C-alpha atoms as a PDB file:
ATOM      1  CA  MET A   1      -0.189   0.150   0.112  1.00  0.00           C
ATOM      2  CA  ASN A   2       1.435   3.225  -1.179  1.00  0.00           C
ATOM      3  CA  GLN A   3       1.700   5.934   1.739  1.00  0.00           C
ATOM      4  CA  LYS A   4       0.529   9.415   1.373  1.00  0.00           C
ATOM      5  CA  LYS A   5       2.702  12.243   2.347  1.00  0.00           C
ATOM      6  CA  ASN A   6       0.906  12.891   5.901  1.00  0.00           C
ATOM      7  CA  ASP A   7      -0.169   9.393   6.692  1.00  0.00           C
ATOM      8  CA  MET A   8       1.458   8.005  10.014  1.00  0.00           C
ATOM      9  CA  ILE A   9       3.209   4.716   9.892  1.00  0.00           C
ATOM     10  CA  LYS A  10       4.223   2.698  12.881  1.00  0.00           C
ATOM     11  CA  LYS A  11       7.673   1.285  12.501  1.00  0.00           C
ATOM     12  CA  ASN A  12       9.306  -1.147  14.774  1.00  0.00           C
ATOM     13  CA  ILE A  13      13.274  -0.978  14.847  1.00  0.00           C
ATOM     14  CA  LYS A  14      15.690  -2.783  17.292  1.00  0.00           C
ATOM     15  CA  GLY A  15      12.601  -3.306  19.619  1.00  0.00           C
ATOM     16  CA  LYS A  16      11.341   0.296  19.619  1.00  0.00           C
ATOM     17  CA  THR A  17       8.058   1.161  17.492  1.00  0.00           C
ATOM     18  CA  TYR A  18       8.020   4.809  16.242  1.00  0.00           C
ATOM     19  CA  LYS A  19       5.359   6.844  14.628  1.00  0.00           C
ATOM     20  CA  LEU A  20       7.020   8.350  11.469  1.00  0.00           C
ATOM     21  CA  PRO A  21       5.239   9.999   8.360  1.00  0.00           C
ATOM     22  CA  GLY A  22       5.176   7.485   5.516  1.00  0.00           C
ATOM     23  CA  SER A  23       6.944   8.952   2.671  1.00  0.00           C
ATOM     24  CA  LEU A  24      10.751   9.304   4.256  1.00  0.00           C
ATOM     25  CA  THR A  25      13.656   8.490   2.219  1.00  0.00           C
ATOM     26  CA  SER A  26      16.610   6.324   3.565  1.00  0.00           C
ATOM     27  CA  PHE A  27      18.231   9.409   5.074  1.00  0.00           C
ATOM     28  CA  GLN A  28      15.547  11.111   6.582  1.00  0.00           C
ATOM     29  CA  GLU A  29      14.085   7.901   8.265  1.00  0.00           C
ATOM     30  CA  GLU A  30      17.760   7.453   9.314  1.00  0.00           C
ATOM     31  CA  MET A  31      17.642  11.220  10.751  1.00  0.00           C
ATOM     32  CA  TYR A  32      14.005  10.784  12.123  1.00  0.00           C
ATOM     33  CA  ILE A  33      14.973   7.538  14.039  1.00  0.00           C
ATOM     34  CA  HIS A  34      18.442   9.385  15.940  1.00  0.00           C
ATOM     35  CA  LEU A  35      16.455  12.421  16.201  1.00  0.00           C
ATOM     36  CA  ILE A  36      13.701  10.528  18.028  1.00  0.00           C
ATOM     37  CA  ASN A  37      15.882   8.719  20.282  1.00  0.00           C
ATOM     38  CA  TRP A  38      17.496  11.732  21.190  1.00  0.00           C
ATOM     39  CA  LYS A  39      14.179  13.168  22.211  1.00  0.00           C
ATOM     40  CA  TRP A  40      13.427  10.502  24.172  1.00  0.00           C
ATOM     41  CA  GLN A  41      16.677  10.522  26.147  1.00  0.00           C
ATOM     42  CA  ASN A  42      16.679  14.388  26.922  1.00  0.00           C
ATOM     43  CA  ILE A  43      13.478  15.872  26.373  1.00  0.00           C
ATOM     44  CA  THR A  44      10.130  13.682  26.714  1.00  0.00           C
ATOM     45  CA  LYS A  45       8.613  10.202  25.242  1.00  0.00           C
ATOM     46  CA  ASP A  46       5.319  12.091  24.591  1.00  0.00           C
ATOM     47  CA  VAL A  47       4.320  12.278  21.083  1.00  0.00           C
ATOM     48  CA  GLY A  48       3.563  15.518  19.367  1.00  0.00           C
ATOM     49  CA  ILE A  49       0.352  16.259  17.443  1.00  0.00           C
ATOM     50  CA  TYR A  50       0.209  17.675  13.507  1.00  0.00           C
ATOM     51  CA  ASN A  51      -3.081  18.989  12.397  1.00  0.00           C
ATOM     52  CA  PHE A  52      -3.431  18.385   8.846  1.00  0.00           C
ATOM     53  CA  LYS A  53      -6.835  19.298   7.669  1.00  0.00           C
ATOM     54  CA  GLY A  54      -8.561  19.080  10.491  1.00  0.00           C
ATOM     55  CA  ASN A  55      -7.037  15.699  11.450  1.00  0.00           C
ATOM     56  CA  GLN A  56      -4.847  15.421  14.058  1.00  0.00           C
ATOM     57  CA  ILE A  57      -1.979  13.017  13.638  1.00  0.00           C
ATOM     58  CA  GLU A  58       0.566  11.793  16.202  1.00  0.00           C
ATOM     59  CA  TYR A  59       3.988  12.112  15.248  1.00  0.00           C
ATOM     60  CA  ASP A  60       7.109  11.079  17.322  1.00  0.00           C
ATOM     61  CA  ALA A  61       9.528  13.674  15.853  1.00  0.00           C
ATOM     62  CA  ILE A  62       7.238  16.558  16.937  1.00  0.00           C
ATOM     63  CA  LEU A  63       7.580  18.024  20.462  1.00  0.00           C
ATOM     64  CA  PRO A  64       4.568  18.186  22.477  1.00  0.00           C
ATOM     65  CA  LYS A  65       2.787  21.457  23.419  1.00  0.00           C
ATOM     66  CA  SER A  66       3.321  21.034  27.028  1.00  0.00           C
ATOM     67  CA  VAL A  67       7.159  21.588  26.549  1.00  0.00           C
ATOM     68  CA  GLN A  68       7.502  23.883  23.604  1.00  0.00           C
ATOM     69  CA  ASN A  69       7.325  27.037  25.414  1.00  0.00           C
ATOM     70  CA  LYS A  70      10.639  25.747  27.083  1.00  0.00           C
ATOM     71  CA  TYR A  71      12.317  25.598  23.867  1.00  0.00           C
ATOM     72  CA  PRO A  72      14.105  22.038  24.567  1.00  0.00           C
ATOM     73  CA  LEU A  73      15.566  21.896  20.644  1.00  0.00           C
ATOM     74  CA  ILE A  74      17.684  25.149  21.090  1.00  0.00           C
ATOM     75  CA  TYR A  75      21.149  25.268  22.483  1.00  0.00           C
ATOM     76  CA  PRO A  76      20.571  26.500  25.937  1.00  0.00           C
ATOM     77  CA  LYS A  77      23.059  29.193  25.701  1.00  0.00           C
ATOM     78  CA  ILE A  78      22.033  31.260  23.161  1.00  0.00           C
ATOM     79  CA  LEU A  79      18.236  30.847  23.889  1.00  0.00           C
ATOM     80  CA  GLN A  80      18.039  34.536  25.443  1.00  0.00           C
ATOM     81  CA  ASP A  81      20.106  36.206  22.211  1.00  0.00           C
ATOM     82  CA  LEU A  82      17.211  34.093  20.323  1.00  0.00           C
ATOM     83  CA  LYS A  83      14.386  35.997  21.954  1.00  0.00           C
ATOM     84  CA  ASP A  84      16.160  39.289  21.835  1.00  0.00           C
ATOM     85  CA  HIS A  85      16.902  38.710  18.453  1.00  0.00           C
ATOM     86  CA  ARG A  86      12.706  38.528  17.292  1.00  0.00           C
ATOM     87  CA  LYS A  87      11.988  41.833  19.406  1.00  0.00           C
ATOM     88  CA  LYS A  88      14.319  43.478  17.255  1.00  0.00           C
ATOM     89  CA  TYR A  89      14.349  41.751  13.928  1.00  0.00           C
ATOM     90  CA  TYR A  90      10.540  39.989  14.270  1.00  0.00           C
ATOM     91  CA  PHE A  91      10.559  36.507  12.492  1.00  0.00           C
ATOM     92  CA  LYS A  92       8.104  33.672  12.341  1.00  0.00           C
ATOM     93  CA  PHE A  93       9.022  30.367  13.749  1.00  0.00           C
ATOM     94  CA  HIS A  94       8.306  28.014  11.057  1.00  0.00           C
ATOM     95  CA  GLN A  95       5.276  25.465  11.086  1.00  0.00           C
ATOM     96  CA  HIS A  96       7.712  22.719  12.238  1.00  0.00           C
ATOM     97  CA  PHE A  97      10.181  24.544  14.578  1.00  0.00           C
ATOM     98  CA  ASN A  98       8.821  22.205  17.223  1.00  0.00           C
ATOM     99  CA  HIS A  99       9.975  18.977  15.104  1.00  0.00           C
ATOM    100  CA  MET A 100      12.964  17.476  15.714  1.00  0.00           C
ATOM    101  CA  ALA A 101      14.284  18.019  12.246  1.00  0.00           C
ATOM    102  CA  SER A 102      13.441  21.501  12.120  1.00  0.00           C
ATOM    103  CA  SER A 103      15.806  23.101   9.935  1.00  0.00           C
ATOM    104  CA  GLN A 104      15.343  26.488  11.157  1.00  0.00           C
ATOM    105  CA  ALA A 105      16.314  25.082  14.853  1.00  0.00           C
ATOM    106  CA  ALA A 106      19.425  23.442  13.344  1.00  0.00           C
ATOM    107  CA  ASN A 107      20.087  26.532  11.736  1.00  0.00           C
ATOM    108  CA  VAL A 108      20.215  28.482  14.674  1.00  0.00           C
ATOM    109  CA  ASN A 109      21.729  25.944  16.909  1.00  0.00           C
ATOM    110  CA  LEU A 110      24.458  25.740  14.174  1.00  0.00           C
ATOM    111  CA  PHE A 111      25.580  29.478  13.920  1.00  0.00           C
ATOM    112  CA  LEU A 112      24.431  31.537  17.013  1.00  0.00           C
ATOM    113  CA  PRO A 113      26.689  29.944  19.445  1.00  0.00           C
ATOM    114  CA  LEU A 114      29.619  30.616  17.010  1.00  0.00           C
ATOM    115  CA  LEU A 115      28.085  34.408  16.133  1.00  0.00           C
ATOM    116  CA  LEU A 116      28.061  35.074  19.845  1.00  0.00           C
ATOM    117  CA  HIS A 117      31.295  33.787  20.735  1.00  0.00           C
ATOM    118  CA  LEU A 118      34.226  36.132  21.726  1.00  0.00           C
ATOM    119  CA  LYS A 119      36.340  34.149  19.416  1.00  0.00           C
ATOM    120  CA  ALA A 120      33.622  34.504  16.309  1.00  0.00           C
ATOM    121  CA  ASN A 121      36.249  36.272  14.129  1.00  0.00           C
ATOM    122  CA  LYS A 122      38.458  33.404  14.402  1.00  0.00           C
ATOM    123  CA  VAL A 123      35.864  30.795  13.506  1.00  0.00           C
ATOM    124  CA  PHE A 124      34.446  32.739  10.763  1.00  0.00           C
ATOM    125  CA  SER A 125      38.112  33.810   8.923  1.00  0.00           C
ATOM    126  CA  LEU A 126      38.364  29.711   8.803  1.00  0.00           C
ATOM    127  CA  LEU A 127      34.808  29.483   6.946  1.00  0.00           C
ATOM    128  CA  LYS A 128      35.157  32.574   5.143  1.00  0.00           C
ATOM    129  CA  PRO A 129      38.932  33.585   3.698  1.00  0.00           C
ATOM    130  CA  ASP A 130      37.768  37.235   3.123  1.00  0.00           C
ATOM    131  CA  PHE A 131      36.198  37.461   6.680  1.00  0.00           C
ATOM    132  CA  LYS A 132      38.301  39.788   8.988  1.00  0.00           C
ATOM    133  CA  SER A 133      35.487  40.604  11.491  1.00  0.00           C
ATOM    134  CA  LEU A 134      31.910  40.425  12.166  1.00  0.00           C
ATOM    135  CA  ALA A 135      30.359  43.764  11.620  1.00  0.00           C
ATOM    136  CA  ILE A 136      28.420  43.846  15.751  1.00  0.00           C
ATOM    137  CA  GLY A 137      27.038  47.436  14.797  1.00  0.00           C
ATOM    138  CA  GLU A 138      24.707  46.024  11.799  1.00  0.00           C
ATOM    139  CA  LEU A 139      22.034  44.097  12.006  1.00  0.00           C
ATOM    140  CA  TYR A 140      21.493  42.241  15.586  1.00  0.00           C
ATOM    141  CA  LYS A 141      25.053  42.080  16.657  1.00  0.00           C
ATOM    142  CA  GLY A 142      26.188  41.155  13.344  1.00  0.00           C
ATOM    143  CA  PHE A 143      23.667  38.921  12.116  1.00  0.00           C
ATOM    144  CA  ARG A 144      20.193  38.585  11.308  1.00  0.00           C
ATOM    145  CA  ILE A 145      17.773  35.072  11.102  1.00  0.00           C
ATOM    146  CA  GLU A 146      15.502  35.034   8.208  1.00  0.00           C
ATOM    147  CA  PHE A 147      17.108  37.853   6.762  1.00  0.00           C
ATOM    148  CA  TRP A 148      15.565  39.978   3.988  1.00  0.00           C
ATOM    149  CA  ASP A 149      15.683  43.860   3.313  1.00  0.00           C
ATOM    150  CA  GLY A 150      12.592  44.823   5.372  1.00  0.00           C
ATOM    151  CA  ASN A 151      11.768  44.644   8.620  1.00  0.00           C
ATOM    152  CA  SER A 152       7.467  45.149   8.803  1.00  0.00           C
ATOM    153  CA  ASN A 153       4.745  43.433   6.532  1.00  0.00           C
ATOM    154  CA  GLU A 154       4.357  46.683   4.926  1.00  0.00           C
ATOM    155  CA  ASP A 155       7.445  46.254   3.220  1.00  0.00           C
ATOM    156  CA  ARG A 156       7.683  44.713  -0.126  1.00  0.00           C
ATOM    157  CA  GLY A 157      11.290  44.425   0.026  1.00  0.00           C
ATOM    158  CA  LEU A 158      13.741  44.890  -2.792  1.00  0.00           C
ATOM    159  CA  LEU A 159      12.578  42.090  -4.611  1.00  0.00           C
ATOM    160  CA  LYS A 160       8.939  43.217  -4.617  1.00  0.00           C
ATOM    161  CA  ASP A 161       7.820  39.722  -3.208  1.00  0.00           C
ATOM    162  CA  HIS A 162       7.241  40.511   0.441  1.00  0.00           C
ATOM    163  CA  SER A 163       4.237  39.890   2.641  1.00  0.00           C
ATOM    164  CA  SER A 164       2.934  38.824   5.814  1.00  0.00           C
ATOM    165  CA  LEU A 165       2.786  34.960   4.211  1.00  0.00           C
ATOM    166  CA  SER A 166       5.381  35.044   2.167  1.00  0.00           C
ATOM    167  CA  GLY A 167       9.060  36.098   0.384  1.00  0.00           C
ATOM    168  CA  THR A 168      12.535  35.319  -0.392  1.00  0.00           C
ATOM    169  CA  ASP A 169      14.970  35.560   2.919  1.00  0.00           C
ATOM    170  CA  SER A 170      17.987  33.873   3.591  1.00  0.00           C
ATOM    171  CA  ASP A 171      18.116  31.474   6.876  1.00  0.00           C
ATOM    172  CA  ILE A 172      20.811  33.539   8.452  1.00  0.00           C
ATOM    173  CA  ALA A 173      22.754  36.801   7.171  1.00  0.00           C
ATOM    174  CA  ILE A 174      26.260  37.697   8.535  1.00  0.00           C
ATOM    175  CA  ALA A 175      27.182  41.216   8.213  1.00  0.00           C
ATOM    176  CA  TYR A 176      30.815  41.669   8.050  1.00  0.00           C
ATOM    177  CA  TYR A 177      34.189  43.624   7.187  1.00  0.00           C
ATOM    178  CA  ASN A 178      36.336  42.055   4.269  1.00  0.00           C
ATOM    179  CA  GLN A 179      40.128  42.181   4.744  1.00  0.00           C
ATOM    180  CA  LYS A 180      39.672  45.974   2.846  1.00  0.00           C
ATOM    181  CA  ASP A 181      37.545  46.920   5.381  1.00  0.00           C
ATOM    182  CA  GLU A 182      34.588  46.871   3.407  1.00  0.00           C
ATOM    183  CA  LEU A 183      30.886  46.151   4.721  1.00  0.00           C
ATOM    184  CA  CYS A 184      30.092  42.977   3.104  1.00  0.00           C
ATOM    185  CA  LEU A 185      26.850  40.405   3.678  1.00  0.00           C
ATOM    186  CA  TRP A 186      27.098  36.674   3.533  1.00  0.00           C
ATOM    187  CA  LEU A 187      23.453  35.178   2.950  1.00  0.00           C
ATOM    188  CA  ILE A 188      23.147  31.519   4.214  1.00  0.00           C
ATOM    189  CA  GLU A 189      20.477  28.746   3.265  1.00  0.00           C
ATOM    190  CA  HIS A 190      20.277  25.729   5.684  1.00  0.00           C
ATOM    191  CA  LYS A 191      19.259  22.620   4.542  1.00  0.00           C
ATOM    192  CA  LEU A 192      18.845  19.834   7.340  1.00  0.00           C
ATOM    193  CA  THR A 193      16.832  16.418   5.753  1.00  0.00           C
ATOM    194  CA  GLU A 194      14.711  18.294   2.806  1.00  0.00           C
ATOM    195  CA  LYS A 195      14.907  16.901  -0.189  1.00  0.00           C
ATOM    196  CA  GLU A 196      14.558  19.543  -2.655  1.00  0.00           C
ATOM    197  CA  PHE A 197      15.007  23.354  -2.451  1.00  0.00           C
ATOM    198  CA  THR A 198      11.951  25.469  -2.502  1.00  0.00           C
ATOM    199  CA  GLU A 199      10.701  25.147  -6.189  1.00  0.00           C
ATOM    200  CA  CYS A 200       8.781  28.015  -8.350  1.00  0.00           C
ATOM    201  CA  GLY A 201       5.312  29.057  -7.083  1.00  0.00           C
ATOM    202  CA  GLY A 202       4.655  30.573  -9.814  1.00  0.00           C
ATOM    203  CA  PHE A 203       4.654  27.567 -12.098  1.00  0.00           C
ATOM    204  CA  LYS A 204       2.376  26.006  -9.784  1.00  0.00           C
ATOM    205  CA  SER A 205      -0.001  28.821  -8.875  1.00  0.00           C
ATOM    206  CA  LYS A 206      -3.887  28.548  -9.779  1.00  0.00           C
ATOM    207  CA  ASP A 207      -3.574  32.340 -10.840  1.00  0.00           C
ATOM    208  CA  ARG A 208      -1.190  31.425 -13.669  1.00  0.00           C
ATOM    209  CA  ASP A 209      -2.467  31.995 -17.288  1.00  0.00           C
ATOM    210  CA  LYS A 210      -1.266  29.106 -18.956  1.00  0.00           C
ATOM    211  CA  ALA A 211      -1.889  30.726 -22.357  1.00  0.00           C
ATOM    212  CA  LYS A 212       0.432  33.802 -21.543  1.00  0.00           C
ATOM    213  CA  HIS A 213       2.804  32.857 -18.401  1.00  0.00           C
ATOM    214  CA  LEU A 214       4.789  30.094 -20.507  1.00  0.00           C
ATOM    215  CA  CYS A 215       7.270  28.789 -18.382  1.00  0.00           C
ATOM    216  CA  GLU A 216       8.555  26.264 -20.981  1.00  0.00           C
ATOM    217  CA  LYS A 217       9.992  29.688 -22.726  1.00  0.00           C
ATOM    218  CA  ASN A 218      14.032  29.417 -22.194  1.00  0.00           C
ATOM    219  CA  PHE A 219      15.927  32.163 -20.329  1.00  0.00           C
ATOM    220  CA  SER A 220      16.962  34.337 -23.526  1.00  0.00           C
ATOM    221  CA  GLU A 221      13.371  34.467 -24.423  1.00  0.00           C
ATOM    222  CA  ILE A 222      11.961  35.525 -21.109  1.00  0.00           C
ATOM    223  CA  ILE A 223      14.632  38.273 -20.777  1.00  0.00           C
ATOM    224  CA  SER A 224      13.462  39.416 -23.816  1.00  0.00           C
ATOM    225  CA  ASN A 225       9.577  39.607 -23.072  1.00  0.00           C
ATOM    226  CA  LYS A 226       9.522  39.652 -19.308  1.00  0.00           C
ATOM    227  CA  ASN A 227       5.824  39.372 -19.142  1.00  0.00           C
ATOM    228  CA  LEU A 228       6.083  35.355 -20.361  1.00  0.00           C
ATOM    229  CA  CYS A 229       6.773  35.155 -16.395  1.00  0.00           C
ATOM    230  CA  PHE A 230       3.879  34.682 -13.924  1.00  0.00           C
ATOM    231  CA  HIS A 231       6.000  36.616 -11.467  1.00  0.00           C
ATOM    232  CA  HIS A 232       6.571  39.325 -13.662  1.00  0.00           C
ATOM    233  CA  SER A 233       3.500  40.211 -15.188  1.00  0.00           C
ATOM    234  CA  PHE A 234       1.107  39.241 -12.600  1.00  0.00           C
ATOM    235  CA  LYS A 235       3.348  39.921  -9.118  1.00  0.00           C
ATOM    236  CA  ASP A 236       5.149  42.672 -10.446  1.00  0.00           C
ATOM    237  CA  ARG A 237       8.526  41.186  -8.740  1.00  0.00           C
ATOM    238  CA  GLU A 238      12.039  42.191  -9.822  1.00  0.00           C
ATOM    239  CA  TYR A 239      13.182  38.763 -10.611  1.00  0.00           C
ATOM    240  CA  TRP A 240      13.779  39.139 -13.951  1.00  0.00           C
ATOM    241  CA  ASN A 241      14.840  42.874 -14.046  1.00  0.00           C
ATOM    242  CA  LEU A 242      17.647  41.854 -12.119  1.00  0.00           C
ATOM    243  CA  THR A 243      18.569  39.007 -13.943  1.00  0.00           C
ATOM    244  CA  ASP A 244      18.539  41.005 -16.880  1.00  0.00           C
ATOM    245  CA  GLU A 245      20.721  43.283 -15.195  1.00  0.00           C
ATOM    246  CA  ASN A 246      23.178  40.530 -14.047  1.00  0.00           C
ATOM    247  CA  ARG A 247      22.634  38.133 -17.183  1.00  0.00           C
ATOM    248  CA  LEU A 248      26.373  37.377 -17.283  1.00  0.00           C
ATOM    249  CA  PHE A 249      26.152  36.045 -13.980  1.00  0.00           C
ATOM    250  CA  PHE A 250      24.114  33.076 -15.233  1.00  0.00           C
ATOM    251  CA  VAL A 251      26.446  32.501 -18.054  1.00  0.00           C
ATOM    252  CA  ASN A 252      25.653  28.923 -19.118  1.00  0.00           C
ATOM    253  CA  TYR A 253      21.819  29.602 -19.528  1.00  0.00           C
ATOM    254  CA  SER A 254      21.346  28.406 -23.163  1.00  0.00           C
ATOM    255  CA  LYS A 255      22.289  24.963 -21.779  1.00  0.00           C
ATOM    256  CA  HIS A 256      18.329  24.977 -20.506  1.00  0.00           C
ATOM    257  CA  ASN A 257      15.395  24.518 -22.943  1.00  0.00           C
ATOM    258  CA  SER A 258      13.020  26.010 -20.636  1.00  0.00           C
ATOM    259  CA  CYS A 259      13.287  28.430 -17.639  1.00  0.00           C
ATOM    260  CA  PRO A 260      15.888  27.113 -15.297  1.00  0.00           C
ATOM    261  CA  PHE A 261      14.229  28.477 -12.285  1.00  0.00           C
ATOM    262  CA  LYS A 262      10.736  26.124 -12.370  1.00  0.00           C
ATOM    263  CA  GLY A 263      12.252  23.848  -9.816  1.00  0.00           C
ATOM    264  CA  GLY A 264      14.444  23.638  -7.165  1.00  0.00           C
ATOM    265  CA  MET A 265      17.007  26.088  -8.649  1.00  0.00           C
ATOM    266  CA  ASN A 266      14.122  28.589  -7.829  1.00  0.00           C
ATOM    267  CA  GLN A 267      15.265  29.205  -4.336  1.00  0.00           C
ATOM    268  CA  LEU A 268      19.131  29.573  -4.969  1.00  0.00           C
ATOM    269  CA  TRP A 269      18.122  32.112  -7.936  1.00  0.00           C
ATOM    270  CA  ARG A 270      16.046  34.462  -5.568  1.00  0.00           C
ATOM    271  CA  ASN A 271      18.587  34.432  -3.111  1.00  0.00           C
ATOM    272  CA  GLN A 272      21.206  35.174  -5.130  1.00  0.00           C
ATOM    273  CA  LEU A 273      19.145  38.245  -6.660  1.00  0.00           C
ATOM    274  CA  MET A 274      18.510  39.341  -3.122  1.00  0.00           C
ATOM    275  CA  GLY A 275      22.477  39.766  -2.968  1.00  0.00           C
ATOM    276  CA  PHE A 276      22.535  41.934  -6.444  1.00  0.00           C
ATOM    277  CA  ALA A 277      19.461  44.196  -5.032  1.00  0.00           C
ATOM    278  CA  LEU A 278      21.512  44.658  -1.672  1.00  0.00           C
ATOM    279  CA  GLU A 279      24.573  45.211  -3.782  1.00  0.00           C
ATOM    280  CA  LYS A 280      23.067  47.515  -6.159  1.00  0.00           C
ATOM    281  CA  VAL A 281      21.540  50.013  -3.531  1.00  0.00           C
ATOM    282  CA  GLY A 282      24.807  50.167  -1.770  1.00  0.00           C
ATOM    283  CA  MET A 283      23.728  48.609   1.498  1.00  0.00           C
ATOM    284  CA  PHE A 284      26.794  46.209   1.245  1.00  0.00           C
ATOM    285  CA  LYS A 285      30.119  46.039  -0.814  1.00  0.00           C
ATOM    286  CA  GLU A 286      29.756  42.555  -1.715  1.00  0.00           C
ATOM    287  CA  VAL A 287      27.039  40.312  -0.817  1.00  0.00           C
ATOM    288  CA  TYR A 288      27.953  36.313  -1.306  1.00  0.00           C
ATOM    289  CA  PHE A 289      25.743  33.119  -0.958  1.00  0.00           C
ATOM    290  CA  SER A 290      25.915  29.869   0.254  1.00  0.00           C
ATOM    291  CA  VAL A 291      23.924  26.657   1.000  1.00  0.00           C
ATOM    292  CA  VAL A 292      25.031  24.530   4.232  1.00  0.00           C
ATOM    293  CA  LYS A 293      23.609  21.067   4.781  1.00  0.00           C
ATOM    294  CA  HIS A 294      23.811  18.192   7.063  1.00  0.00           C
ATOM    295  CA  PRO A 295      26.966  16.114   5.323  1.00  0.00           C
ATOM    296  CA  GLU A 296      25.033  12.850   4.640  1.00  0.00           C
ATOM    297  CA  ASN A 297      21.863  14.871   2.906  1.00  0.00           C
ATOM    298  CA  LYS A 298      22.558  14.106  -1.011  1.00  0.00           C
ATOM    299  CA  ALA A 299      19.231  14.890  -2.263  1.00  0.00           C
ATOM    300  CA  LEU A 300      19.936  18.480  -2.785  1.00  0.00           C
ATOM    301  CA  ASP A 301      23.142  17.732  -4.680  1.00  0.00           C
ATOM    302  CA  LYS A 302      21.362  17.333  -8.540  1.00  0.00           C
ATOM    303  CA  SER A 303      20.013  21.098  -8.145  1.00  0.00           C
ATOM    304  CA  ILE A 304      23.101  22.600  -6.573  1.00  0.00           C
ATOM    305  CA  ASP A 305      25.168  21.080  -9.151  1.00  0.00           C
ATOM    306  CA  TYR A 306      22.755  22.354 -11.910  1.00  0.00           C
ATOM    307  CA  TYR A 307      23.122  25.873 -10.655  1.00  0.00           C
ATOM    308  CA  LYS A 308      26.661  25.550 -10.216  1.00  0.00           C
ATOM    309  CA  ASP A 309      26.953  24.591 -13.499  1.00  0.00           C
ATOM    310  CA  LEU A 310      24.477  27.344 -14.891  1.00  0.00           C
ATOM    311  CA  ILE A 311      26.663  30.521 -13.006  1.00  0.00           C
ATOM    312  CA  ASN A 312      30.082  28.761 -14.477  1.00  0.00           C
ATOM    313  CA  HIS A 313      31.239  28.306 -10.501  1.00  0.00           C
ATOM    314  CA  ASN A 314      31.287  31.695  -9.642  1.00  0.00           C
ATOM    315  CA  ASN A 315      32.737  32.045  -6.230  1.00  0.00           C
ATOM    316  CA  ARG A 316      29.630  34.465  -5.335  1.00  0.00           C
ATOM    317  CA  PHE A 317      28.025  31.147  -4.439  1.00  0.00           C
ATOM    318  CA  SER A 318      29.327  28.148  -2.395  1.00  0.00           C
ATOM    319  CA  VAL A 319      28.171  25.034  -0.550  1.00  0.00           C
ATOM    320  CA  PHE A 320      29.524  23.759   2.408  1.00  0.00           C
ATOM    321  CA  ASP A 321      28.584  20.912   5.479  1.00  0.00           C
ATOM    322  CA  SER A 322      27.637  21.396   9.195  1.00  0.00           C
ATOM    323  CA  LYS A 323      30.823  18.504   9.422  1.00  0.00           C
ATOM    324  CA  GLU A 324      33.305  21.269   7.719  1.00  0.00           C
ATOM    325  CA  VAL A 325      32.000  23.709  10.544  1.00  0.00           C
ATOM    326  CA  ILE A 326      32.561  21.555  13.294  1.00  0.00           C
ATOM    327  CA  GLU A 327      35.812  20.699  12.098  1.00  0.00           C
ATOM    328  CA  LYS A 328      36.969  24.466  11.887  1.00  0.00           C
ATOM    329  CA  VAL A 329      35.896  25.008  15.350  1.00  0.00           C
ATOM    330  CA  ALA A 330      37.514  22.173  16.937  1.00  0.00           C
ATOM    331  CA  LYS A 331      40.950  23.508  15.591  1.00  0.00           C
ATOM    332  CA  LEU A 332      40.456  26.224  18.415  1.00  0.00           C
ATOM    333  CA  ASN A 333      39.943  23.525  20.966  1.00  0.00           C
ATOM    334  CA  ASP A 334      38.040  26.369  23.101  1.00  0.00           C
ATOM    335  CA  SER A 335      36.369  24.863  26.582  1.00  0.00           C
ATOM    336  CA  ASP A 336      33.156  26.473  26.197  1.00  0.00           C
ATOM    337  CA  LEU A 337      33.161  25.738  22.232  1.00  0.00           C
ATOM    338  CA  ASN A 338      34.125  22.437  22.950  1.00  0.00           C
ATOM    339  CA  ASP A 339      31.106  22.118  24.939  1.00  0.00           C
ATOM    340  CA  TRP A 340      28.814  23.103  21.842  1.00  0.00           C
ATOM    341  CA  LEU A 341      30.220  20.760  19.563  1.00  0.00           C
ATOM    342  CA  ILE A 342      29.700  17.712  22.036  1.00  0.00           C
ATOM    343  CA  TRP A 343      26.289  19.015  22.130  1.00  0.00           C
ATOM    344  CA  TYR A 344      25.558  19.718  18.410  1.00  0.00           C
ATOM    345  CA  LYS A 345      27.415  16.519  17.015  1.00  0.00           C
ATOM    346  CA  GLU A 346      25.431  14.283  19.306  1.00  0.00           C
ATOM    347  CA  LEU A 347      22.060  16.230  18.622  1.00  0.00           C
ATOM    348  CA  TYR A 348      22.662  16.154  14.523  1.00  0.00           C
ATOM    349  CA  LYS A 349      24.561  13.034  14.090  1.00  0.00           C
ATOM    350  CA  ILE A 350      27.875  14.347  12.770  1.00  0.00           C
ATOM    351  CA  ASN A 351      29.808  11.564  13.010  1.00  0.00           C
ATOM    352  CA  ASN A 352      34.081  11.894  13.089  1.00  0.00           C
END
């Protein structure tokens, strides 16, 4: 029997019964089992509830409401700063923030203990060669979670795609001074167990006029007539204007017979465009964009490789994994950071 995405199945592994979604990849299942075991050992054995179309579905990987307000999935030393950050730059916790496999929580747990540490400059100079010092006077102590260039529901942002419900943002942005003492920005998208990046919402939109918005047209055709794209003609977004201004960045566009950005490359494209927009208005001298992922998550590699090829491996885009971060931090042999290393590696199954 085929399992639907939101079906719950009971799976017995090594004498333990787990309530899991029915459509997990082998990597996702391995991670879910590990994260559930961590939850059972460190938080609670009570199930959490997922409300789906009026149905309340029990899952072991979700935290029950009774513990959610204690933030048990967040590294304790950063919790107050997380709360203070939301007061200055409010951001919504994702729908699945209280899921053990929450990429948003994992992102916070990976970067905030480093950004808030006295040795932040040493850590990030190991990760990014042009990094000289964290610009602590910018954003919230030099960084911002769920970054975009506005800070209210009234702002549409430089891409003109923001609302209270959606819009382009990066999981975290880090403001820093480079080796020339120029103010720069590093946009980072974090993925934990996801199978793909966010795909094009316009391609699937019920408002899309399929006789007018022709996603089968290629890059050059859309550049020549931007109204072929739903986002441009119907939503008045800046995606293709910025792409046109930076068309040399997408140097290998001719390899694609239709719009390259219908699938998983869409999220990568929009984040890169946000960087171009920020540079254009002079907010930052240079803006770089990276993806950081779990070292065992290979499902994203196809979209990443397509995107790297599209931009001819331009160094404004890069990819690394959380194990690489761990290895760099370990070199400092700092007792406080070593405590975090042990915690993070155990929670997120980062093997030596």
